[in-house]
């Protein structure tokens, strides 16, 4: 289960390419992988030859994943499952009510 933490990211909104948008992920300035958002069929995730990860989601997931990138820490991209065919953007465990007022 390859898992990469990232602490910075770059967003690209594109036209004329197969991906409508992507979020490139970095840890201490080192490329960790890219989250691609597409309007059509979604590919299975890939582990690239350099160890980076490529995750694919439908474009309707863009806003929620972008919100996680902006508001949470730490954030990870991850490929999982018996044949590494699933992917997710995830965080560490957080206490219940963390953002609630007293």
PDB file of N, CA and C in Angstrom:
ATOM      1  N   UNK A   1       0.848  -1.180   0.000  1.00  0.00           N
ATOM      2  CA  UNK A   1       0.000   0.000   0.000  1.00  0.00           C
ATOM      3  C   UNK A   1       0.891   1.240   0.000  1.00  0.00           C
ATOM      4  N   UNK A   2       1.246   1.738  -1.158  1.00  0.00           N
ATOM      5  CA  UNK A   2       2.056   2.960  -1.213  1.00  0.00           C
ATOM      6  C   UNK A   2       1.280   4.158  -0.658  1.00  0.00           C
ATOM      7  N   UNK A   3       1.941   4.901   0.194  1.00  0.00           N
ATOM      8  CA  UNK A   3       1.338   6.081   0.823  1.00  0.00           C
ATOM      9  C   UNK A   3       2.376   7.187   0.831  1.00  0.00           C
ATOM     10  N   UNK A   4       1.986   8.372   0.356  1.00  0.00           N
ATOM     11  CA  UNK A   4       2.898   9.511   0.286  1.00  0.00           C
ATOM     12  C   UNK A   4       2.268  10.708   0.990  1.00  0.00           C
ATOM     13  N   UNK A   5       2.968  11.239   1.970  1.00  0.00           N
ATOM     14  CA  UNK A   5       2.521  12.466   2.626  1.00  0.00           C
ATOM     15  C   UNK A   5       2.953  13.643   1.764  1.00  0.00           C
ATOM     16  N   UNK A   6       2.148  14.706   1.767  1.00  0.00           N
ATOM     17  CA  UNK A   6       2.573  15.928   1.085  1.00  0.00           C
ATOM     18  C   UNK A   6       2.263  17.142   1.936  1.00  0.00           C
ATOM     19  N   UNK A   7       3.126  18.170   1.786  1.00  0.00           N
ATOM     20  CA  UNK A   7       2.972  19.390   2.577  1.00  0.00           C
ATOM     21  C   UNK A   7       2.799  20.640   1.713  1.00  0.00           C
ATOM     22  N   UNK A   8       2.828  20.468   0.397  1.00  0.00           N
ATOM     23  CA  UNK A   8       2.531  21.576  -0.514  1.00  0.00           C
ATOM     24  C   UNK A   8       1.957  20.993  -1.798  1.00  0.00           C
ATOM     25  N   UNK A   9       1.292  21.845  -2.558  1.00  0.00           N
ATOM     26  CA  UNK A   9       0.649  21.366  -3.783  1.00  0.00           C
ATOM     27  C   UNK A   9       0.538  22.495  -4.796  1.00  0.00           C
ATOM     28  N   UNK A  10       0.326  22.093  -6.036  1.00  0.00           N
ATOM     29  CA  UNK A  10       0.111  23.034  -7.140  1.00  0.00           C
ATOM     30  C   UNK A  10      -1.134  22.573  -7.891  1.00  0.00           C
ATOM     31  N   UNK A  11      -2.029  23.517  -8.175  1.00  0.00           N
ATOM     32  CA  UNK A  11      -3.269  23.201  -8.884  1.00  0.00           C
ATOM     33  C   UNK A  11      -3.173  23.683 -10.323  1.00  0.00           C
ATOM     34  N   UNK A  12      -3.617  22.836 -11.236  1.00  0.00           N
ATOM     35  CA  UNK A  12      -3.720  23.192 -12.649  1.00  0.00           C
ATOM     36  C   UNK A  12      -5.141  22.907 -13.108  1.00  0.00           C
ATOM     37  N   UNK A  13      -5.801  23.915 -13.649  1.00  0.00           N
ATOM     38  CA  UNK A  13      -7.101  23.744 -14.293  1.00  0.00           C
ATOM     39  C   UNK A  13      -6.813  23.833 -15.783  1.00  0.00           C
ATOM     40  N   UNK A  14      -7.192  22.810 -16.525  1.00  0.00           N
ATOM     41  CA  UNK A  14      -6.758  22.734 -17.919  1.00  0.00           C
ATOM     42  C   UNK A  14      -7.934  22.630 -18.883  1.00  0.00           C
ATOM     43  N   UNK A  15      -7.636  22.916 -20.135  1.00  0.00           N
ATOM     44  CA  UNK A  15      -8.594  22.765 -21.225  1.00  0.00           C
ATOM     45  C   UNK A  15      -7.862  22.114 -22.391  1.00  0.00           C
ATOM     46  N   UNK A  16      -8.527  21.207 -23.055  1.00  0.00           N
ATOM     47  CA  UNK A  16      -7.928  20.577 -24.222  1.00  0.00           C
ATOM     48  C   UNK A  16      -7.057  19.374 -23.904  1.00  0.00           C
ATOM     49  N   UNK A  17      -7.060  18.929 -22.653  1.00  0.00           N
ATOM     50  CA  UNK A  17      -6.319  17.727 -22.274  1.00  0.00           C
ATOM     51  C   UNK A  17      -7.302  16.725 -21.685  1.00  0.00           C
ATOM     52  N   UNK A  18      -6.858  15.500 -21.481  1.00  0.00           N
ATOM     53  CA  UNK A  18      -7.748  14.461 -20.960  1.00  0.00           C
ATOM     54  C   UNK A  18      -8.132  14.704 -19.505  1.00  0.00           C
ATOM     55  N   UNK A  19      -7.297  15.417 -18.730  1.00  0.00           N
ATOM     56  CA  UNK A  19      -7.626  15.743 -17.340  1.00  0.00           C
ATOM     57  C   UNK A  19      -8.121  17.183 -17.272  1.00  0.00           C
ATOM     58  N   UNK A  20      -9.262  17.382 -16.653  1.00  0.00           N
ATOM     59  CA  UNK A  20      -9.838  18.717 -16.518  1.00  0.00           C
ATOM     60  C   UNK A  20      -9.036  19.553 -15.522  1.00  0.00           C
ATOM     61  N   UNK A  21      -8.491  18.890 -14.501  1.00  0.00           N
ATOM     62  CA  UNK A  21      -7.691  19.568 -13.477  1.00  0.00           C
ATOM     63  C   UNK A  21      -6.766  18.540 -12.839  1.00  0.00           C
ATOM     64  N   UNK A  22      -5.738  19.040 -12.154  1.00  0.00           N
ATOM     65  CA  UNK A  22      -4.892  18.143 -11.373  1.00  0.00           C
ATOM     66  C   UNK A  22      -4.281  18.899 -10.210  1.00  0.00           C
ATOM     67  N   UNK A  23      -3.915  18.144  -9.196  1.00  0.00           N
ATOM     68  CA  UNK A  23      -3.212  18.679  -8.034  1.00  0.00           C
ATOM     69  C   UNK A  23      -1.899  17.911  -7.926  1.00  0.00           C
ATOM     70  N   UNK A  24      -0.788  18.602  -8.136  1.00  0.00           N
ATOM     71  CA  UNK A  24       0.537  17.993  -7.990  1.00  0.00           C
ATOM     72  C   UNK A  24       0.966  18.141  -6.538  1.00  0.00           C
ATOM     73  N   UNK A  25       1.458  17.061  -5.948  1.00  0.00           N
ATOM     74  CA  UNK A  25       1.741  17.003  -4.516  1.00  0.00           C
ATOM     75  C   UNK A  25       3.240  16.905  -4.253  1.00  0.00           C
ATOM     76  N   UNK A  26       3.723  17.660  -3.243  1.00  0.00           N
ATOM     77  CA  UNK A  26       5.150  17.725  -2.921  1.00  0.00           C
ATOM     78  C   UNK A  26       5.364  17.583  -1.417  1.00  0.00           C
ATOM     79  N   UNK A  27       6.463  16.981  -1.053  1.00  0.00           N
ATOM     80  CA  UNK A  27       6.896  16.895   0.352  1.00  0.00           C
ATOM     81  C   UNK A  27       8.294  17.481   0.424  1.00  0.00           C
ATOM     82  N   UNK A  28       8.448  18.582   1.159  1.00  0.00           N
ATOM     83  CA  UNK A  28       9.736  19.288   1.240  1.00  0.00           C
ATOM     84  C   UNK A  28      10.288  19.603  -0.148  1.00  0.00           C
ATOM     85  N   UNK A  29       9.392  19.977  -1.066  1.00  0.00           N
ATOM     86  CA  UNK A  29       9.787  20.338  -2.424  1.00  0.00           C
ATOM     87  C   UNK A  29      10.023  19.173  -3.361  1.00  0.00           C
ATOM     88  N   UNK A  30       9.871  17.944  -2.880  1.00  0.00           N
ATOM     89  CA  UNK A  30      10.094  16.752  -3.704  1.00  0.00           C
ATOM     90  C   UNK A  30       8.740  16.217  -4.180  1.00  0.00           C
ATOM     91  N   UNK A  31       8.631  16.010  -5.482  1.00  0.00           N
ATOM     92  CA  UNK A  31       7.397  15.523  -6.095  1.00  0.00           C
ATOM     93  C   UNK A  31       7.005  14.156  -5.547  1.00  0.00           C
ATOM     94  N   UNK A  32       5.737  14.029  -5.105  1.00  0.00           N
ATOM     95  CA  UNK A  32       5.218  12.774  -4.558  1.00  0.00           C
ATOM     96  C   UNK A  32       4.191  12.106  -5.472  1.00  0.00           C
ATOM     97  N   UNK A  33       3.502  12.915  -6.264  1.00  0.00           N
ATOM     98  CA  UNK A  33       2.493  12.357  -7.153  1.00  0.00           C
ATOM     99  C   UNK A  33       1.489  13.403  -7.577  1.00  0.00           C
ATOM    100  N   UNK A  34       0.521  12.973  -8.390  1.00  0.00           N
ATOM    101  CA  UNK A  34      -0.498  13.878  -8.906  1.00  0.00           C
ATOM    102  C   UNK A  34      -1.870  13.248  -8.754  1.00  0.00           C
ATOM    103  N   UNK A  35      -2.818  14.088  -8.367  1.00  0.00           N
ATOM    104  CA  UNK A  35      -4.226  13.707  -8.312  1.00  0.00           C
ATOM    105  C   UNK A  35      -4.872  14.295  -9.560  1.00  0.00           C
ATOM    106  N   UNK A  36      -5.351  13.444 -10.459  1.00  0.00           N
ATOM    107  CA  UNK A  36      -5.973  13.885 -11.707  1.00  0.00           C
ATOM    108  C   UNK A  36      -7.490  13.837 -11.574  1.00  0.00           C
ATOM    109  N   UNK A  37      -8.157  14.832 -12.171  1.00  0.00           N
ATOM    110  CA  UNK A  37      -9.613  14.904 -12.179  1.00  0.00           C
ATOM    111  C   UNK A  37     -10.076  14.902 -13.626  1.00  0.00           C
ATOM    112  N   UNK A  38     -10.944  13.953 -13.959  1.00  0.00           N
ATOM    113  CA  UNK A  38     -11.365  13.767 -15.343  1.00  0.00           C
ATOM    114  C   UNK A  38     -12.883  13.854 -15.450  1.00  0.00           C
ATOM    115  N   UNK A  39     -13.350  14.161 -16.654  1.00  0.00           N
ATOM    116  CA  UNK A  39     -14.794  14.252 -16.866  1.00  0.00           C
ATOM    117  C   UNK A  39     -15.369  12.954 -17.420  1.00  0.00           C
ATOM    118  N   UNK A  40     -14.528  12.065 -17.896  1.00  0.00           N
ATOM    119  CA  UNK A  40     -14.999  10.793 -18.450  1.00  0.00           C
ATOM    120  C   UNK A  40     -14.637   9.622 -17.563  1.00  0.00           C
ATOM    121  N   UNK A  41     -14.270   8.521 -18.213  1.00  0.00           N
ATOM    122  CA  UNK A  41     -13.909   7.298 -17.491  1.00  0.00           C
ATOM    123  C   UNK A  41     -12.678   7.537 -16.618  1.00  0.00           C
ATOM    124  N   UNK A  42     -12.707   6.981 -15.420  1.00  0.00           N
ATOM    125  CA  UNK A  42     -11.627   7.165 -14.445  1.00  0.00           C
ATOM    126  C   UNK A  42     -10.690   5.953 -14.497  1.00  0.00           C
ATOM    127  N   UNK A  43      -9.400   6.205 -14.686  1.00  0.00           N
ATOM    128  CA  UNK A  43      -8.391   5.140 -14.716  1.00  0.00           C
ATOM    129  C   UNK A  43      -8.121   4.603 -13.319  1.00  0.00           C
ATOM    130  N   UNK A  44      -7.542   3.406 -13.261  1.00  0.00           N
ATOM    131  CA  UNK A  44      -7.045   2.885 -11.990  1.00  0.00           C
ATOM    132  C   UNK A  44      -5.776   3.645 -11.630  1.00  0.00           C
ATOM    133  N   UNK A  45      -5.467   3.773 -10.347  1.00  0.00           N
ATOM    134  CA  UNK A  45      -4.253   4.490  -9.940  1.00  0.00           C
ATOM    135  C   UNK A  45      -3.000   3.738 -10.390  1.00  0.00           C
ATOM    136  N   UNK A  46      -1.902   4.477 -10.493  1.00  0.00           N
ATOM    137  CA  UNK A  46      -0.642   3.854 -10.902  1.00  0.00           C
ATOM    138  C   UNK A  46       0.487   4.261  -9.964  1.00  0.00           C
ATOM    139  N   UNK A  47       1.407   3.327  -9.790  1.00  0.00           N
ATOM    140  CA  UNK A  47       2.663   3.585  -9.094  1.00  0.00           C
ATOM    141  C   UNK A  47       3.699   3.758 -10.195  1.00  0.00           C
ATOM    142  N   UNK A  48       4.258   4.939 -10.317  1.00  0.00           N
ATOM    143  CA  UNK A  48       5.173   5.243 -11.412  1.00  0.00           C
ATOM    144  C   UNK A  48       6.575   4.704 -11.139  1.00  0.00           C
ATOM    145  N   UNK A  49       7.383   4.605 -12.186  1.00  0.00           N
ATOM    146  CA  UNK A  49       8.724   4.020 -12.063  1.00  0.00           C
ATOM    147  C   UNK A  49       9.615   4.786 -11.088  1.00  0.00           C
ATOM    148  N   UNK A  50       9.346   6.079 -10.889  1.00  0.00           N
ATOM    149  CA  UNK A  50      10.140   6.874  -9.944  1.00  0.00           C
ATOM    150  C   UNK A  50       9.577   6.823  -8.519  1.00  0.00           C
ATOM    151  N   UNK A  51       8.537   6.008  -8.304  1.00  0.00           N
ATOM    152  CA  UNK A  51       7.936   5.862  -6.984  1.00  0.00           C
ATOM    153  C   UNK A  51       6.796   6.823  -6.706  1.00  0.00           C
ATOM    154  N   UNK A  52       6.583   7.796  -7.576  1.00  0.00           N
ATOM    155  CA  UNK A  52       5.471   8.725  -7.385  1.00  0.00           C
ATOM    156  C   UNK A  52       4.154   8.014  -7.698  1.00  0.00           C
ATOM    157  N   UNK A  53       3.059   8.615  -7.250  1.00  0.00           N
ATOM    158  CA  UNK A  53       1.738   8.028  -7.433  1.00  0.00           C
ATOM    159  C   UNK A  53       0.897   8.890  -8.360  1.00  0.00           C
ATOM    160  N   UNK A  54       0.051   8.241  -9.156  1.00  0.00           N
ATOM    161  CA  UNK A  54      -0.935   8.931  -9.986  1.00  0.00           C
ATOM    162  C   UNK A  54      -2.308   8.424  -9.582  1.00  0.00           C
ATOM    163  N   UNK A  55      -3.133   9.324  -9.052  1.00  0.00           N
ATOM    164  CA  UNK A  55      -4.482   8.990  -8.619  1.00  0.00           C
ATOM    165  C   UNK A  55      -5.470   9.653  -9.559  1.00  0.00           C
ATOM    166  N   UNK A  56      -6.589   8.990  -9.818  1.00  0.00           N
ATOM    167  CA  UNK A  56      -7.582   9.492 -10.760  1.00  0.00           C
ATOM    168  C   UNK A  56      -8.951   9.529 -10.095  1.00  0.00           C
ATOM    169  N   UNK A  57      -9.614  10.682 -10.226  1.00  0.00           N
ATOM    170  CA  UNK A  57     -10.948  10.864  -9.672  1.00  0.00           C
ATOM    171  C   UNK A  57     -11.822  11.568 -10.698  1.00  0.00           C
ATOM    172  N   UNK A  58     -13.127  11.387 -10.561  1.00  0.00           N
ATOM    173  CA  UNK A  58     -14.077  12.147 -11.352  1.00  0.00           C
ATOM    174  C   UNK A  58     -13.980  13.619 -10.935  1.00  0.00           C
ATOM    175  N   UNK A  59     -14.207  14.524 -11.883  1.00  0.00           N
ATOM    176  CA  UNK A  59     -14.087  15.954 -11.584  1.00  0.00           C
ATOM    177  C   UNK A  59     -15.024  16.389 -10.460  1.00  0.00           C
ATOM    178  N   UNK A  60     -16.129  15.693 -10.266  1.00  0.00           N
ATOM    179  CA  UNK A  60     -17.045  16.096  -9.190  1.00  0.00           C
ATOM    180  C   UNK A  60     -16.440  15.929  -7.795  1.00  0.00           C
ATOM    181  N   UNK A  61     -15.302  15.279  -7.680  1.00  0.00           N
ATOM    182  CA  UNK A  61     -14.594  15.144  -6.399  1.00  0.00           C
ATOM    183  C   UNK A  61     -13.583  16.270  -6.162  1.00  0.00           C
ATOM    184  N   UNK A  62     -13.370  17.128  -7.160  1.00  0.00           N
ATOM    185  CA  UNK A  62     -12.322  18.145  -7.062  1.00  0.00           C
ATOM    186  C   UNK A  62     -12.490  19.044  -5.840  1.00  0.00           C
ATOM    187  N   UNK A  63     -13.661  19.613  -5.663  1.00  0.00           N
ATOM    188  CA  UNK A  63     -13.870  20.584  -4.577  1.00  0.00           C
ATOM    189  C   UNK A  63     -13.621  19.962  -3.205  1.00  0.00           C
ATOM    190  N   UNK A  64     -14.116  18.757  -2.980  1.00  0.00           N
ATOM    191  CA  UNK A  64     -13.922  18.144  -1.661  1.00  0.00           C
ATOM    192  C   UNK A  64     -12.454  17.787  -1.420  1.00  0.00           C
ATOM    193  N   UNK A  65     -11.747  17.307  -2.432  1.00  0.00           N
ATOM    194  CA  UNK A  65     -10.327  16.984  -2.257  1.00  0.00           C
ATOM    195  C   UNK A  65      -9.511  18.262  -2.096  1.00  0.00           C
ATOM    196  N   UNK A  66      -9.843  19.299  -2.846  1.00  0.00           N
ATOM    197  CA  UNK A  66      -9.156  20.583  -2.699  1.00  0.00           C
ATOM    198  C   UNK A  66      -9.359  21.140  -1.286  1.00  0.00           C
ATOM    199  N   UNK A  67     -10.552  21.002  -0.741  1.00  0.00           N
ATOM    200  CA  UNK A  67     -10.825  21.461   0.622  1.00  0.00           C
ATOM    201  C   UNK A  67      -9.965  20.707   1.633  1.00  0.00           C
ATOM    202  N   UNK A  68      -9.824  19.406   1.478  1.00  0.00           N
ATOM    203  CA  UNK A  68      -8.956  18.631   2.372  1.00  0.00           C
ATOM    204  C   UNK A  68      -7.522  19.148   2.282  1.00  0.00           C
ATOM    205  N   UNK A  69      -7.036  19.404   1.076  1.00  0.00           N
ATOM    206  CA  UNK A  69      -5.666  19.920   0.904  1.00  0.00           C
ATOM    207  C   UNK A  69      -5.484  21.263   1.607  1.00  0.00           C
ATOM    208  N   UNK A  70      -6.484  22.130   1.522  1.00  0.00           N
ATOM    209  CA  UNK A  70      -6.397  23.463   2.121  1.00  0.00           C
ATOM    210  C   UNK A  70      -6.520  23.447   3.638  1.00  0.00           C
ATOM    211  N   UNK A  71      -7.349  22.561   4.177  1.00  0.00           N
ATOM    212  CA  UNK A  71      -7.736  22.681   5.581  1.00  0.00           C
ATOM    213  C   UNK A  71      -7.164  21.634   6.524  1.00  0.00           C
ATOM    214  N   UNK A  72      -6.586  20.575   6.013  1.00  0.00           N
ATOM    215  CA  UNK A  72      -6.118  19.493   6.883  1.00  0.00           C
ATOM    216  C   UNK A  72      -4.601  19.370   6.848  1.00  0.00           C
ATOM    217  N   UNK A  73      -4.071  18.737   7.878  1.00  0.00           N
ATOM    218  CA  UNK A  73      -2.642  18.441   7.953  1.00  0.00           C
ATOM    219  C   UNK A  73      -2.439  17.345   8.974  1.00  0.00           C
ATOM    220  N   UNK A  74      -1.703  16.315   8.707  1.00  0.00           N
ATOM    221  CA  UNK A  74      -1.067  15.997   7.430  1.00  0.00           C
ATOM    222  C   UNK A  74      -2.070  15.382   6.450  1.00  0.00           C
ATOM    223  N   UNK A  75      -1.725  15.438   5.169  1.00  0.00           N
ATOM    224  CA  UNK A  75      -2.542  14.854   4.108  1.00  0.00           C
ATOM    225  C   UNK A  75      -1.679  13.863   3.338  1.00  0.00           C
ATOM    226  N   UNK A  76      -2.301  12.759   2.924  1.00  0.00           N
ATOM    227  CA  UNK A  76      -1.601  11.698   2.204  1.00  0.00           C
ATOM    228  C   UNK A  76      -2.349  11.342   0.927  1.00  0.00           C
ATOM    229  N   UNK A  77      -1.610  10.931  -0.097  1.00  0.00           N
ATOM    230  CA  UNK A  77      -2.190  10.237  -1.236  1.00  0.00           C
ATOM    231  C   UNK A  77      -1.800   8.773  -1.078  1.00  0.00           C
ATOM    232  N   UNK A  78      -2.719   7.896  -1.452  1.00  0.00           N
ATOM    233  CA  UNK A  78      -2.507   6.487  -1.127  1.00  0.00           C
ATOM    234  C   UNK A  78      -3.148   5.598  -2.187  1.00  0.00           C
ATOM    235  N   UNK A  79      -2.457   4.522  -2.520  1.00  0.00           N
ATOM    236  CA  UNK A  79      -3.003   3.470  -3.373  1.00  0.00           C
ATOM    237  C   UNK A  79      -3.103   2.229  -2.503  1.00  0.00           C
ATOM    238  N   UNK A  80      -4.233   1.545  -2.560  1.00  0.00           N
ATOM    239  CA  UNK A  80      -4.442   0.420  -1.656  1.00  0.00           C
ATOM    240  C   UNK A  80      -5.278  -0.670  -2.319  1.00  0.00           C
ATOM    241  N   UNK A  81      -5.426  -1.751  -1.609  1.00  0.00           N
ATOM    242  CA  UNK A  81      -6.198  -2.889  -2.087  1.00  0.00           C
ATOM    243  C   UNK A  81      -5.278  -4.029  -2.484  1.00  0.00           C
ATOM    244  N   UNK A  82      -5.849  -5.212  -2.612  1.00  0.00           N
ATOM    245  CA  UNK A  82      -5.065  -6.412  -2.912  1.00  0.00           C
ATOM    246  C   UNK A  82      -4.250  -6.262  -4.191  1.00  0.00           C
ATOM    247  N   UNK A  83      -4.792  -5.581  -5.178  1.00  0.00           N
ATOM    248  CA  UNK A  83      -4.059  -5.408  -6.438  1.00  0.00           C
ATOM    249  C   UNK A  83      -3.732  -3.940  -6.703  1.00  0.00           C
ATOM    250  N   UNK A  84      -3.680  -3.124  -5.647  1.00  0.00           N
ATOM    251  CA  UNK A  84      -3.385  -1.685  -5.773  1.00  0.00           C
ATOM    252  C   UNK A  84      -4.277  -1.002  -6.807  1.00  0.00           C
ATOM    253  N   UNK A  85      -5.573  -1.308  -6.791  1.00  0.00           N
ATOM    254  CA  UNK A  85      -6.451  -0.686  -7.775  1.00  0.00           C
ATOM    255  C   UNK A  85      -7.382   0.369  -7.190  1.00  0.00           C
ATOM    256  N   UNK A  86      -7.219   0.682  -5.913  1.00  0.00           N
ATOM    257  CA  UNK A  86      -8.026   1.711  -5.273  1.00  0.00           C
ATOM    258  C   UNK A  86      -7.117   2.853  -4.832  1.00  0.00           C
ATOM    259  N   UNK A  87      -7.682   4.042  -4.716  1.00  0.00           N
ATOM    260  CA  UNK A  87      -6.877   5.173  -4.257  1.00  0.00           C
ATOM    261  C   UNK A  87      -7.716   6.067  -3.365  1.00  0.00           C
ATOM    262  N   UNK A  88      -7.008   6.874  -2.571  1.00  0.00           N
ATOM    263  CA  UNK A  88      -7.698   7.820  -1.700  1.00  0.00           C
ATOM    264  C   UNK A  88      -6.756   8.948  -1.309  1.00  0.00           C
ATOM    265  N   UNK A  89      -7.371  10.042  -0.915  1.00  0.00           N
ATOM    266  CA  UNK A  89      -6.689  11.162  -0.277  1.00  0.00           C
ATOM    267  C   UNK A  89      -7.158  11.100   1.162  1.00  0.00           C
ATOM    268  N   UNK A  90      -6.224  11.051   2.110  1.00  0.00           N
ATOM    269  CA  UNK A  90      -6.606  10.768   3.490  1.00  0.00           C
ATOM    270  C   UNK A  90      -5.785  11.598   4.474  1.00  0.00           C
ATOM    271  N   UNK A  91      -6.208  11.584   5.717  1.00  0.00           N
ATOM    272  CA  UNK A  91      -5.517  12.301   6.790  1.00  0.00           C
ATOM    273  C   UNK A  91      -5.255  11.339   7.939  1.00  0.00           C
ATOM    274  N   UNK A  92      -4.547  11.808   8.962  1.00  0.00           N
ATOM    275  CA  UNK A  92      -4.396  11.043  10.197  1.00  0.00           C
ATOM    276  C   UNK A  92      -5.688  11.147  11.005  1.00  0.00           C
ATOM    277  N   UNK A  93      -5.801  10.340  12.038  1.00  0.00           N
ATOM    278  CA  UNK A  93      -6.950  10.410  12.943  1.00  0.00           C
ATOM    279  C   UNK A  93      -6.983  11.773  13.627  1.00  0.00           C
ATOM    280  N   UNK A  94      -8.189  12.277  13.829  1.00  0.00           N
ATOM    281  CA  UNK A  94      -8.370  13.559  14.501  1.00  0.00           C
ATOM    282  C   UNK A  94      -9.357  13.375  15.642  1.00  0.00           C
ATOM    283  N   UNK A  95      -9.212  14.163  16.701  1.00  0.00           N
ATOM    284  CA  UNK A  95     -10.159  14.054  17.806  1.00  0.00           C
ATOM    285  C   UNK A  95     -11.555  14.521  17.390  1.00  0.00           C
ATOM    286  N   UNK A  96     -12.568  13.891  17.954  1.00  0.00           N
ATOM    287  CA  UNK A  96     -13.946  14.278  17.696  1.00  0.00           C
ATOM    288  C   UNK A  96     -14.150  15.712  18.160  1.00  0.00           C
ATOM    289  N   UNK A  97     -14.853  16.515  17.368  1.00  0.00           N
ATOM    290  CA  UNK A  97     -15.158  17.884  17.749  1.00  0.00           C
ATOM    291  C   UNK A  97     -13.979  18.831  17.712  1.00  0.00           C
ATOM    292  N   UNK A  98     -12.955  18.488  16.967  1.00  0.00           N
ATOM    293  CA  UNK A  98     -11.739  19.302  16.932  1.00  0.00           C
ATOM    294  C   UNK A  98     -12.018  20.767  16.592  1.00  0.00           C
ATOM    295  N   UNK A  99     -12.936  21.014  15.683  1.00  0.00           N
ATOM    296  CA  UNK A  99     -13.210  22.385  15.246  1.00  0.00           C
ATOM    297  C   UNK A  99     -14.409  23.013  15.954  1.00  0.00           C
ATOM    298  N   UNK A 100     -14.950  22.337  16.925  1.00  0.00           N
ATOM    299  CA  UNK A 100     -16.116  22.854  17.628  1.00  0.00           C
ATOM    300  C   UNK A 100     -15.712  23.825  18.731  1.00  0.00           C
ATOM    301  N   UNK A 101     -16.517  24.856  18.942  1.00  0.00           N
ATOM    302  CA  UNK A 101     -16.267  25.818  20.015  1.00  0.00           C
ATOM    303  C   UNK A 101     -16.650  25.249  21.372  1.00  0.00           C
ATOM    304  N   UNK A 102     -16.143  25.849  22.434  1.00  0.00           N
ATOM    305  CA  UNK A 102     -16.452  25.384  23.801  1.00  0.00           C
ATOM    306  C   UNK A 102     -17.633  26.123  24.371  1.00  0.00           C
TER     307      UNK A 102
END
